[in-house]
């Protein structure tokens, strides 16, 4: 059963995907990153993939939470630190930020 939440904050991940071995990236994201982050109380909201342009990252992944404390606890955890290291192994130009939730596209 899907849990209903009222999103108030968004954790946004930005990065580019190198051409080498996209299968390892997708495997990591689908079997490790997303399930682990969801177990920390954050929920996958959206993922954007840029098709053209050089002014923004190729990928933007968004997770939402009802409170800032949930996001902070996740980011402070050892598990998050491990996941971030692994994500950096599969991507380039990685960065993240936390924003107040707003419907629609945020950058």
PDB file of N, CA and C in Angstrom:
ATOM      1  N   UNK A   1       0.834  -1.179   0.000  1.00  0.00           N
ATOM      2  CA  UNK A   1       0.000   0.000   0.000  1.00  0.00           C
ATOM      3  C   UNK A   1       0.882   1.247   0.000  1.00  0.00           C
ATOM      4  N   UNK A   2       0.521   2.216  -0.793  1.00  0.00           N
ATOM      5  CA  UNK A   2       1.269   3.453  -0.906  1.00  0.00           C
ATOM      6  C   UNK A   2       0.902   4.389   0.230  1.00  0.00           C
ATOM      7  N   UNK A   3       1.927   4.952   0.866  1.00  0.00           N
ATOM      8  CA  UNK A   3       1.713   5.902   1.950  1.00  0.00           C
ATOM      9  C   UNK A   3       1.459   7.282   1.356  1.00  0.00           C
ATOM     10  N   UNK A   4       0.440   7.953   1.854  1.00  0.00           N
ATOM     11  CA  UNK A   4       0.131   9.313   1.423  1.00  0.00           C
ATOM     12  C   UNK A   4       0.861  10.303   2.327  1.00  0.00           C
ATOM     13  N   UNK A   5       1.593  11.234   1.745  1.00  0.00           N
ATOM     14  CA  UNK A   5       2.270  12.261   2.534  1.00  0.00           C
ATOM     15  C   UNK A   5       1.917  13.629   1.961  1.00  0.00           C
ATOM     16  N   UNK A   6       2.154  14.651   2.753  1.00  0.00           N
ATOM     17  CA  UNK A   6       2.032  16.024   2.285  1.00  0.00           C
ATOM     18  C   UNK A   6       3.457  16.554   2.149  1.00  0.00           C
ATOM     19  N   UNK A   7       3.989  16.609   0.930  1.00  0.00           N
ATOM     20  CA  UNK A   7       5.378  17.027   0.767  1.00  0.00           C
ATOM     21  C   UNK A   7       5.564  18.503   1.116  1.00  0.00           C
ATOM     22  N   UNK A   8       6.578  18.760   1.934  1.00  0.00           N
ATOM     23  CA  UNK A   8       6.884  20.138   2.312  1.00  0.00           C
ATOM     24  C   UNK A   8       8.322  20.525   1.934  1.00  0.00           C
ATOM     25  N   UNK A   9       9.170  19.520   1.749  1.00  0.00           N
ATOM     26  CA  UNK A   9      10.561  19.770   1.366  1.00  0.00           C
ATOM     27  C   UNK A   9      10.970  18.793   0.277  1.00  0.00           C
ATOM     28  N   UNK A  10      11.957  19.232  -0.499  1.00  0.00           N
ATOM     29  CA  UNK A  10      12.423  18.430  -1.620  1.00  0.00           C
ATOM     30  C   UNK A  10      13.946  18.351  -1.575  1.00  0.00           C
ATOM     31  N   UNK A  11      14.473  17.142  -1.680  1.00  0.00           N
ATOM     32  CA  UNK A  11      15.901  16.919  -1.856  1.00  0.00           C
ATOM     33  C   UNK A  11      16.126  16.720  -3.348  1.00  0.00           C
ATOM     34  N   UNK A  12      16.941  17.592  -3.924  1.00  0.00           N
ATOM     35  CA  UNK A  12      17.178  17.556  -5.366  1.00  0.00           C
ATOM     36  C   UNK A  12      18.620  17.127  -5.641  1.00  0.00           C
ATOM     37  N   UNK A  13      18.775  16.139  -6.493  1.00  0.00           N
ATOM     38  CA  UNK A  13      20.097  15.656  -6.903  1.00  0.00           C
ATOM     39  C   UNK A  13      20.290  16.014  -8.370  1.00  0.00           C
ATOM     40  N   UNK A  14      21.439  16.604  -8.692  1.00  0.00           N
ATOM     41  CA  UNK A  14      21.758  17.000 -10.054  1.00  0.00           C
ATOM     42  C   UNK A  14      23.062  16.331 -10.465  1.00  0.00           C
ATOM     43  N   UNK A  15      23.108  15.806 -11.692  1.00  0.00           N
ATOM     44  CA  UNK A  15      24.345  15.181 -12.158  1.00  0.00           C
ATOM     45  C   UNK A  15      24.276  14.887 -13.642  1.00  0.00           C
ATOM     46  N   UNK A  16      25.437  14.590 -14.182  1.00  0.00           N
ATOM     47  CA  UNK A  16      25.553  14.165 -15.574  1.00  0.00           C
ATOM     48  C   UNK A  16      25.908  12.686 -15.594  1.00  0.00           C
ATOM     49  N   UNK A  17      25.521  12.032 -16.670  1.00  0.00           N
ATOM     50  CA  UNK A  17      25.824  10.617 -16.845  1.00  0.00           C
ATOM     51  C   UNK A  17      26.910  10.448 -17.892  1.00  0.00           C
ATOM     52  N   UNK A  18      28.039   9.854 -17.507  1.00  0.00           N
ATOM     53  CA  UNK A  18      29.053   9.578 -18.532  1.00  0.00           C
ATOM     54  C   UNK A  18      28.563   8.467 -19.456  1.00  0.00           C
ATOM     55  N   UNK A  19      29.109   8.450 -20.646  1.00  0.00           N
ATOM     56  CA  UNK A  19      28.669   7.469 -21.647  1.00  0.00           C
ATOM     57  C   UNK A  19      29.047   6.039 -21.277  1.00  0.00           C
ATOM     58  N   UNK A  20      30.058   5.866 -20.464  1.00  0.00           N
ATOM     59  CA  UNK A  20      30.547   4.528 -20.136  1.00  0.00           C
ATOM     60  C   UNK A  20      29.595   3.789 -19.192  1.00  0.00           C
ATOM     61  N   UNK A  21      29.193   2.623 -19.565  1.00  0.00           N
ATOM     62  CA  UNK A  21      28.450   1.662 -18.756  1.00  0.00           C
ATOM     63  C   UNK A  21      27.202   2.197 -18.048  1.00  0.00           C
ATOM     64  N   UNK A  22      26.198   2.642 -18.797  1.00  0.00           N
ATOM     65  CA  UNK A  22      24.964   3.124 -18.177  1.00  0.00           C
ATOM     66  C   UNK A  22      24.197   2.027 -17.433  1.00  0.00           C
ATOM     67  N   UNK A  23      24.430   0.764 -17.805  1.00  0.00           N
ATOM     68  CA  UNK A  23      23.728  -0.336 -17.138  1.00  0.00           C
ATOM     69  C   UNK A  23      24.080  -0.414 -15.652  1.00  0.00           C
ATOM     70  N   UNK A  24      25.348  -0.196 -15.314  1.00  0.00           N
ATOM     71  CA  UNK A  24      25.744  -0.206 -13.901  1.00  0.00           C
ATOM     72  C   UNK A  24      25.065   0.930 -13.139  1.00  0.00           C
ATOM     73  N   UNK A  25      24.968   2.093 -13.773  1.00  0.00           N
ATOM     74  CA  UNK A  25      24.282   3.234 -13.152  1.00  0.00           C
ATOM     75  C   UNK A  25      22.825   2.880 -12.867  1.00  0.00           C
ATOM     76  N   UNK A  26      22.101   2.421 -13.874  1.00  0.00           N
ATOM     77  CA  UNK A  26      20.683   2.097 -13.702  1.00  0.00           C
ATOM     78  C   UNK A  26      20.481   0.999 -12.660  1.00  0.00           C
ATOM     79  N   UNK A  27      21.325   0.006 -12.658  1.00  0.00           N
ATOM     80  CA  UNK A  27      21.229  -1.062 -11.675  1.00  0.00           C
ATOM     81  C   UNK A  27      21.403  -0.504 -10.258  1.00  0.00           C
ATOM     82  N   UNK A  28      22.409   0.348 -10.066  1.00  0.00           N
ATOM     83  CA  UNK A  28      22.629   0.956  -8.761  1.00  0.00           C
ATOM     84  C   UNK A  28      21.431   1.798  -8.327  1.00  0.00           C
ATOM     85  N   UNK A  29      20.937   2.642  -9.204  1.00  0.00           N
ATOM     86  CA  UNK A  29      19.823   3.532  -8.852  1.00  0.00           C
ATOM     87  C   UNK A  29      18.570   2.731  -8.506  1.00  0.00           C
ATOM     88  N   UNK A  30      18.234   1.762  -9.322  1.00  0.00           N
ATOM     89  CA  UNK A  30      16.967   1.044  -9.141  1.00  0.00           C
ATOM     90  C   UNK A  30      17.007   0.022  -8.009  1.00  0.00           C
ATOM     91  N   UNK A  31      18.136  -0.610  -7.780  1.00  0.00           N
ATOM     92  CA  UNK A  31      18.175  -1.668  -6.760  1.00  0.00           C
ATOM     93  C   UNK A  31      18.755  -1.223  -5.433  1.00  0.00           C
ATOM     94  N   UNK A  32      19.471  -0.094  -5.432  1.00  0.00           N
ATOM     95  CA  UNK A  32      20.121   0.329  -4.191  1.00  0.00           C
ATOM     96  C   UNK A  32      19.746   1.748  -3.765  1.00  0.00           C
ATOM     97  N   UNK A  33      19.950   2.728  -4.626  1.00  0.00           N
ATOM     98  CA  UNK A  33      19.726   4.117  -4.229  1.00  0.00           C
ATOM     99  C   UNK A  33      18.278   4.395  -3.862  1.00  0.00           C
ATOM    100  N   UNK A  34      17.366   4.166  -4.782  1.00  0.00           N
ATOM    101  CA  UNK A  34      15.953   4.502  -4.533  1.00  0.00           C
ATOM    102  C   UNK A  34      15.385   3.719  -3.350  1.00  0.00           C
ATOM    103  N   UNK A  35      15.539   2.399  -3.276  1.00  0.00           N
ATOM    104  CA  UNK A  35      14.997   1.690  -2.102  1.00  0.00           C
ATOM    105  C   UNK A  35      15.609   2.157  -0.784  1.00  0.00           C
ATOM    106  N   UNK A  36      16.903   2.442  -0.774  1.00  0.00           N
ATOM    107  CA  UNK A  36      17.554   2.891   0.457  1.00  0.00           C
ATOM    108  C   UNK A  36      17.040   4.260   0.897  1.00  0.00           C
ATOM    109  N   UNK A  37      16.933   5.176  -0.048  1.00  0.00           N
ATOM    110  CA  UNK A  37      16.452   6.519   0.278  1.00  0.00           C
ATOM    111  C   UNK A  37      15.000   6.462   0.758  1.00  0.00           C
ATOM    112  N   UNK A  38      14.203   5.636   0.124  1.00  0.00           N
ATOM    113  CA  UNK A  38      12.810   5.495   0.564  1.00  0.00           C
ATOM    114  C   UNK A  38      12.724   4.890   1.960  1.00  0.00           C
ATOM    115  N   UNK A  39      13.644   4.006   2.307  1.00  0.00           N
ATOM    116  CA  UNK A  39      13.636   3.429   3.656  1.00  0.00           C
ATOM    117  C   UNK A  39      14.013   4.474   4.713  1.00  0.00           C
ATOM    118  N   UNK A  40      14.613   5.591   4.276  1.00  0.00           N
ATOM    119  CA  UNK A  40      14.965   6.684   5.180  1.00  0.00           C
ATOM    120  C   UNK A  40      13.814   7.683   5.353  1.00  0.00           C
ATOM    121  N   UNK A  41      12.689   7.423   4.693  1.00  0.00           N
ATOM    122  CA  UNK A  41      11.526   8.297   4.829  1.00  0.00           C
ATOM    123  C   UNK A  41      11.396   9.364   3.762  1.00  0.00           C
ATOM    124  N   UNK A  42      12.213   9.274   2.708  1.00  0.00           N
ATOM    125  CA  UNK A  42      12.086  10.186   1.575  1.00  0.00           C
ATOM    126  C   UNK A  42      11.440   9.413   0.432  1.00  0.00           C
ATOM    127  N   UNK A  43      10.661  10.116  -0.371  1.00  0.00           N
ATOM    128  CA  UNK A  43       9.910   9.449  -1.421  1.00  0.00           C
ATOM    129  C   UNK A  43      10.278  10.019  -2.782  1.00  0.00           C
ATOM    130  N   UNK A  44      10.499   9.117  -3.738  1.00  0.00           N
ATOM    131  CA  UNK A  44      10.813   9.534  -5.099  1.00  0.00           C
ATOM    132  C   UNK A  44       9.647  10.355  -5.620  1.00  0.00           C
ATOM    133  N   UNK A  45       9.969  11.510  -6.151  1.00  0.00           N
ATOM    134  CA  UNK A  45       8.928  12.393  -6.682  1.00  0.00           C
ATOM    135  C   UNK A  45       8.993  12.433  -8.203  1.00  0.00           C
ATOM    136  N   UNK A  46      10.118  12.915  -8.725  1.00  0.00           N
ATOM    137  CA  UNK A  46      10.288  12.992 -10.174  1.00  0.00           C
ATOM    138  C   UNK A  46      11.758  12.852 -10.540  1.00  0.00           C
ATOM    139  N   UNK A  47      11.975  12.493 -11.812  1.00  0.00           N
ATOM    140  CA  UNK A  47      13.316  12.502 -12.386  1.00  0.00           C
ATOM    141  C   UNK A  47      13.193  13.148 -13.759  1.00  0.00           C
ATOM    142  N   UNK A  48      14.039  14.126 -13.989  1.00  0.00           N
ATOM    143  CA  UNK A  48      14.083  14.799 -15.285  1.00  0.00           C
ATOM    144  C   UNK A  48      15.355  14.393 -16.007  1.00  0.00           C
ATOM    145  N   UNK A  49      15.240  14.269 -17.319  1.00  0.00           N
ATOM    146  CA  UNK A  49      16.402  13.981 -18.163  1.00  0.00           C
ATOM    147  C   UNK A  49      16.436  15.047 -19.251  1.00  0.00           C
ATOM    148  N   UNK A  50      17.511  15.829 -19.309  1.00  0.00           N
ATOM    149  CA  UNK A  50      17.638  16.907 -20.283  1.00  0.00           C
ATOM    150  C   UNK A  50      18.052  16.322 -21.632  1.00  0.00           C
ATOM    151  N   UNK A  51      17.362  16.714 -22.660  1.00  0.00           N
ATOM    152  CA  UNK A  51      17.680  16.207 -23.992  1.00  0.00           C
ATOM    153  C   UNK A  51      18.617  17.114 -24.769  1.00  0.00           C
ATOM    154  N   UNK A  52      18.670  18.383 -24.412  1.00  0.00           N
ATOM    155  CA  UNK A  52      19.563  19.292 -25.118  1.00  0.00           C
ATOM    156  C   UNK A  52      19.965  20.443 -24.204  1.00  0.00           C
ATOM    157  N   UNK A  53      21.026  21.115 -24.603  1.00  0.00           N
ATOM    158  CA  UNK A  53      21.494  22.270 -23.846  1.00  0.00           C
ATOM    159  C   UNK A  53      22.641  21.915 -22.917  1.00  0.00           C
ATOM    160  N   UNK A  54      23.487  22.876 -22.652  1.00  0.00           N
ATOM    161  CA  UNK A  54      24.638  22.660 -21.792  1.00  0.00           C
ATOM    162  C   UNK A  54      24.550  23.440 -20.494  1.00  0.00           C
ATOM    163  N   UNK A  55      23.472  24.158 -20.277  1.00  0.00           N
ATOM    164  CA  UNK A  55      23.365  25.024 -19.115  1.00  0.00           C
ATOM    165  C   UNK A  55      22.794  24.340 -17.881  1.00  0.00           C
ATOM    166  N   UNK A  56      22.424  23.105 -17.997  1.00  0.00           N
ATOM    167  CA  UNK A  56      21.857  22.398 -16.844  1.00  0.00           C
ATOM    168  C   UNK A  56      22.343  20.948 -16.857  1.00  0.00           C
ATOM    169  N   UNK A  57      22.211  20.279 -15.715  1.00  0.00           N
ATOM    170  CA  UNK A  57      22.679  18.885 -15.658  1.00  0.00           C
ATOM    171  C   UNK A  57      21.798  17.978 -16.522  1.00  0.00           C
ATOM    172  N   UNK A  58      22.370  16.870 -16.908  1.00  0.00           N
ATOM    173  CA  UNK A  58      21.637  15.899 -17.712  1.00  0.00           C
ATOM    174  C   UNK A  58      20.490  15.279 -16.920  1.00  0.00           C
ATOM    175  N   UNK A  59      20.696  15.059 -15.620  1.00  0.00           N
ATOM    176  CA  UNK A  59      19.701  14.370 -14.792  1.00  0.00           C
ATOM    177  C   UNK A  59      19.399  15.199 -13.546  1.00  0.00           C
ATOM    178  N   UNK A  60      18.126  15.252 -13.194  1.00  0.00           N
ATOM    179  CA  UNK A  60      17.675  15.891 -11.953  1.00  0.00           C
ATOM    180  C   UNK A  60      16.692  14.938 -11.291  1.00  0.00           C
ATOM    181  N   UNK A  61      17.076  14.404 -10.133  1.00  0.00           N
ATOM    182  CA  UNK A  61      16.219  13.476  -9.384  1.00  0.00           C
ATOM    183  C   UNK A  61      15.717  14.179  -8.135  1.00  0.00           C
ATOM    184  N   UNK A  62      14.433  13.974  -7.815  1.00  0.00           N
ATOM    185  CA  UNK A  62      13.823  14.665  -6.684  1.00  0.00           C
ATOM    186  C   UNK A  62      13.167  13.677  -5.733  1.00  0.00           C
ATOM    187  N   UNK A  63      13.444  13.875  -4.445  1.00  0.00           N
ATOM    188  CA  UNK A  63      12.817  13.108  -3.375  1.00  0.00           C
ATOM    189  C   UNK A  63      12.120  14.101  -2.462  1.00  0.00           C
ATOM    190  N   UNK A  64      10.959  13.737  -1.931  1.00  0.00           N
ATOM    191  CA  UNK A  64      10.206  14.644  -1.068  1.00  0.00           C
ATOM    192  C   UNK A  64      10.043  14.048   0.321  1.00  0.00           C
ATOM    193  N   UNK A  65       9.810  14.963   1.286  1.00  0.00           N
ATOM    194  CA  UNK A  65       9.557  14.575   2.671  1.00  0.00           C
ATOM    195  C   UNK A  65       8.598  15.589   3.286  1.00  0.00           C
ATOM    196  N   UNK A  66       7.954  15.171   4.372  1.00  0.00           N
ATOM    197  CA  UNK A  66       7.019  16.066   5.049  1.00  0.00           C
ATOM    198  C   UNK A  66       7.726  17.089   5.927  1.00  0.00           C
ATOM    199  N   UNK A  67       8.951  16.776   6.344  1.00  0.00           N
ATOM    200  CA  UNK A  67       9.650  17.728   7.213  1.00  0.00           C
ATOM    201  C   UNK A  67      11.134  17.736   6.903  1.00  0.00           C
ATOM    202  N   UNK A  68      11.752  18.849   7.255  1.00  0.00           N
ATOM    203  CA  UNK A  68      13.173  19.029   7.014  1.00  0.00           C
ATOM    204  C   UNK A  68      14.017  18.075   7.843  1.00  0.00           C
ATOM    205  N   UNK A  69      13.548  17.741   9.051  1.00  0.00           N
ATOM    206  CA  UNK A  69      14.295  16.840   9.934  1.00  0.00           C
ATOM    207  C   UNK A  69      14.503  15.468   9.286  1.00  0.00           C
ATOM    208  N   UNK A  70      13.540  14.995   8.527  1.00  0.00           N
ATOM    209  CA  UNK A  70      13.672  13.696   7.851  1.00  0.00           C
ATOM    210  C   UNK A  70      14.799  13.747   6.829  1.00  0.00           C
ATOM    211  N   UNK A  71      14.858  14.823   6.056  1.00  0.00           N
ATOM    212  CA  UNK A  71      15.917  14.963   5.063  1.00  0.00           C
ATOM    213  C   UNK A  71      17.272  15.094   5.751  1.00  0.00           C
ATOM    214  N   UNK A  72      17.346  15.917   6.793  1.00  0.00           N
ATOM    215  CA  UNK A  72      18.614  16.101   7.504  1.00  0.00           C
ATOM    216  C   UNK A  72      19.104  14.791   8.119  1.00  0.00           C
ATOM    217  N   UNK A  73      18.188  14.025   8.704  1.00  0.00           N
ATOM    218  CA  UNK A  73      18.572  12.736   9.298  1.00  0.00           C
ATOM    219  C   UNK A  73      19.105  11.789   8.226  1.00  0.00           C
ATOM    220  N   UNK A  74      18.468  11.785   7.067  1.00  0.00           N
ATOM    221  CA  UNK A  74      18.944  10.933   5.975  1.00  0.00           C
ATOM    222  C   UNK A  74      20.343  11.353   5.538  1.00  0.00           C
ATOM    223  N   UNK A  75      20.541  12.653   5.341  1.00  0.00           N
ATOM    224  CA  UNK A  75      21.836  13.144   4.870  1.00  0.00           C
ATOM    225  C   UNK A  75      22.944  12.956   5.895  1.00  0.00           C
ATOM    226  N   UNK A  76      22.593  12.914   7.161  1.00  0.00           N
ATOM    227  CA  UNK A  76      23.577  12.707   8.223  1.00  0.00           C
ATOM    228  C   UNK A  76      23.922  11.236   8.445  1.00  0.00           C
ATOM    229  N   UNK A  77      23.153  10.336   7.844  1.00  0.00           N
ATOM    230  CA  UNK A  77      23.348   8.907   8.089  1.00  0.00           C
ATOM    231  C   UNK A  77      24.568   8.358   7.341  1.00  0.00           C
ATOM    232  N   UNK A  78      25.148   7.319   7.903  1.00  0.00           N
ATOM    233  CA  UNK A  78      26.274   6.638   7.244  1.00  0.00           C
ATOM    234  C   UNK A  78      25.830   6.021   5.924  1.00  0.00           C
ATOM    235  N   UNK A  79      24.612   5.515   5.899  1.00  0.00           N
ATOM    236  CA  UNK A  79      24.107   4.896   4.665  1.00  0.00           C
ATOM    237  C   UNK A  79      24.055   5.911   3.533  1.00  0.00           C
ATOM    238  N   UNK A  80      23.591   7.139   3.813  1.00  0.00           N
ATOM    239  CA  UNK A  80      23.548   8.167   2.771  1.00  0.00           C
ATOM    240  C   UNK A  80      24.959   8.461   2.257  1.00  0.00           C
ATOM    241  N   UNK A  81      25.903   8.556   3.180  1.00  0.00           N
ATOM    242  CA  UNK A  81      27.276   8.843   2.779  1.00  0.00           C
ATOM    243  C   UNK A  81      27.807   7.760   1.837  1.00  0.00           C
ATOM    244  N   UNK A  82      27.474   6.507   2.126  1.00  0.00           N
ATOM    245  CA  UNK A  82      27.867   5.405   1.246  1.00  0.00           C
ATOM    246  C   UNK A  82      27.201   5.529  -0.123  1.00  0.00           C
ATOM    247  N   UNK A  83      25.917   5.842  -0.121  1.00  0.00           N
ATOM    248  CA  UNK A  83      25.179   5.978  -1.375  1.00  0.00           C
ATOM    249  C   UNK A  83      25.719   7.126  -2.221  1.00  0.00           C
ATOM    250  N   UNK A  84      26.064   8.218  -1.574  1.00  0.00           N
ATOM    251  CA  UNK A  84      26.577   9.373  -2.295  1.00  0.00           C
ATOM    252  C   UNK A  84      27.928   9.054  -2.943  1.00  0.00           C
ATOM    253  N   UNK A  85      28.770   8.306  -2.242  1.00  0.00           N
ATOM    254  CA  UNK A  85      30.053   7.892  -2.819  1.00  0.00           C
ATOM    255  C   UNK A  85      29.809   7.011  -4.046  1.00  0.00           C
ATOM    256  N   UNK A  86      28.887   6.068  -3.936  1.00  0.00           N
ATOM    257  CA  UNK A  86      28.594   5.180  -5.067  1.00  0.00           C
ATOM    258  C   UNK A  86      27.979   5.945  -6.232  1.00  0.00           C
ATOM    259  N   UNK A  87      27.089   6.897  -5.926  1.00  0.00           N
ATOM    260  CA  UNK A  87      26.493   7.702  -6.997  1.00  0.00           C
ATOM    261  C   UNK A  87      27.579   8.481  -7.729  1.00  0.00           C
ATOM    262  N   UNK A  88      28.517   9.028  -6.989  1.00  0.00           N
ATOM    263  CA  UNK A  88      29.618   9.783  -7.600  1.00  0.00           C
ATOM    264  C   UNK A  88      30.485   8.892  -8.499  1.00  0.00           C
ATOM    265  N   UNK A  89      30.540   7.605  -8.206  1.00  0.00           N
ATOM    266  CA  UNK A  89      31.301   6.674  -9.048  1.00  0.00           C
ATOM    267  C   UNK A  89      30.634   6.469 -10.405  1.00  0.00           C
ATOM    268  N   UNK A  90      29.328   6.666 -10.468  1.00  0.00           N
ATOM    269  CA  UNK A  90      28.566   6.436 -11.701  1.00  0.00           C
ATOM    270  C   UNK A  90      28.209   7.719 -12.442  1.00  0.00           C
ATOM    271  N   UNK A  91      28.524   8.884 -11.872  1.00  0.00           N
ATOM    272  CA  UNK A  91      28.107  10.150 -12.452  1.00  0.00           C
ATOM    273  C   UNK A  91      29.250  11.167 -12.428  1.00  0.00           C
ATOM    274  N   UNK A  92      29.005  12.313 -13.036  1.00  0.00           N
ATOM    275  CA  UNK A  92      29.931  13.443 -12.961  1.00  0.00           C
ATOM    276  C   UNK A  92      29.123  14.686 -12.613  1.00  0.00           C
ATOM    277  N   UNK A  93      29.811  15.714 -12.159  1.00  0.00           N
ATOM    278  CA  UNK A  93      29.191  17.007 -11.849  1.00  0.00           C
ATOM    279  C   UNK A  93      28.030  16.887 -10.864  1.00  0.00           C
ATOM    280  N   UNK A  94      28.187  16.023  -9.882  1.00  0.00           N
ATOM    281  CA  UNK A  94      27.131  15.789  -8.890  1.00  0.00           C
ATOM    282  C   UNK A  94      27.033  16.951  -7.898  1.00  0.00           C
ATOM    283  N   UNK A  95      25.815  17.330  -7.585  1.00  0.00           N
ATOM    284  CA  UNK A  95      25.536  18.266  -6.494  1.00  0.00           C
ATOM    285  C   UNK A  95      24.120  18.024  -6.005  1.00  0.00           C
ATOM    286  N   UNK A  96      23.821  18.563  -4.840  1.00  0.00           N
ATOM    287  CA  UNK A  96      22.473  18.400  -4.285  1.00  0.00           C
ATOM    288  C   UNK A  96      22.060  19.667  -3.573  1.00  0.00           C
ATOM    289  N   UNK A  97      20.754  19.815  -3.393  1.00  0.00           N
ATOM    290  CA  UNK A  97      20.249  20.924  -2.605  1.00  0.00           C
ATOM    291  C   UNK A  97      18.874  20.565  -2.055  1.00  0.00           C
ATOM    292  N   UNK A  98      18.499  21.278  -0.998  1.00  0.00           N
ATOM    293  CA  UNK A  98      17.203  21.101  -0.361  1.00  0.00           C
ATOM    294  C   UNK A  98      16.420  22.391  -0.576  1.00  0.00           C
ATOM    295  N   UNK A  99      15.166  22.253  -0.974  1.00  0.00           N
ATOM    296  CA  UNK A  99      14.304  23.412  -1.170  1.00  0.00           C
ATOM    297  C   UNK A  99      12.940  23.130  -0.553  1.00  0.00           C
ATOM    298  N   UNK A 100      12.197  24.196  -0.269  1.00  0.00           N
ATOM    299  CA  UNK A 100      10.805  24.020   0.128  1.00  0.00           C
ATOM    300  C   UNK A 100      10.045  23.511  -1.087  1.00  0.00           C
ATOM    301  N   UNK A 101       9.152  22.580  -0.839  1.00  0.00           N
ATOM    302  CA  UNK A 101       8.394  21.969  -1.933  1.00  0.00           C
ATOM    303  C   UNK A 101       7.497  22.997  -2.607  1.00  0.00           C
ATOM    304  N   UNK A 102       7.497  22.925  -3.911  1.00  0.00           N
ATOM    305  CA  UNK A 102       6.598  23.731  -4.721  1.00  0.00           C
ATOM    306  C   UNK A 102       6.189  22.860  -5.909  1.00  0.00           C
ATOM    307  N   UNK A 103       4.915  22.805  -6.237  1.00  0.00           N
ATOM    308  CA  UNK A 103       4.512  22.014  -7.401  1.00  0.00           C
ATOM    309  C   UNK A 103       5.177  22.558  -8.662  1.00  0.00           C
ATOM    310  N   UNK A 104       5.417  21.711  -9.603  1.00  0.00           N
ATOM    311  CA  UNK A 104       6.028  22.137 -10.850  1.00  0.00           C
ATOM    312  C   UNK A 104       7.542  22.011 -10.816  1.00  0.00           C
ATOM    313  N   UNK A 105       8.148  22.413 -11.902  1.00  0.00           N
ATOM    314  CA  UNK A 105       9.592  22.281 -12.057  1.00  0.00           C
ATOM    315  C   UNK A 105      10.311  23.292 -11.172  1.00  0.00           C
ATOM    316  N   UNK A 106      11.328  22.821 -10.438  1.00  0.00           N
ATOM    317  CA  UNK A 106      12.207  23.679  -9.652  1.00  0.00           C
ATOM    318  C   UNK A 106      13.635  23.353 -10.045  1.00  0.00           C
ATOM    319  N   UNK A 107      14.490  24.361 -10.053  1.00  0.00           N
ATOM    320  CA  UNK A 107      15.889  24.135 -10.409  1.00  0.00           C
ATOM    321  C   UNK A 107      16.768  24.764  -9.367  1.00  0.00           C
TER     322      UNK A 107
END
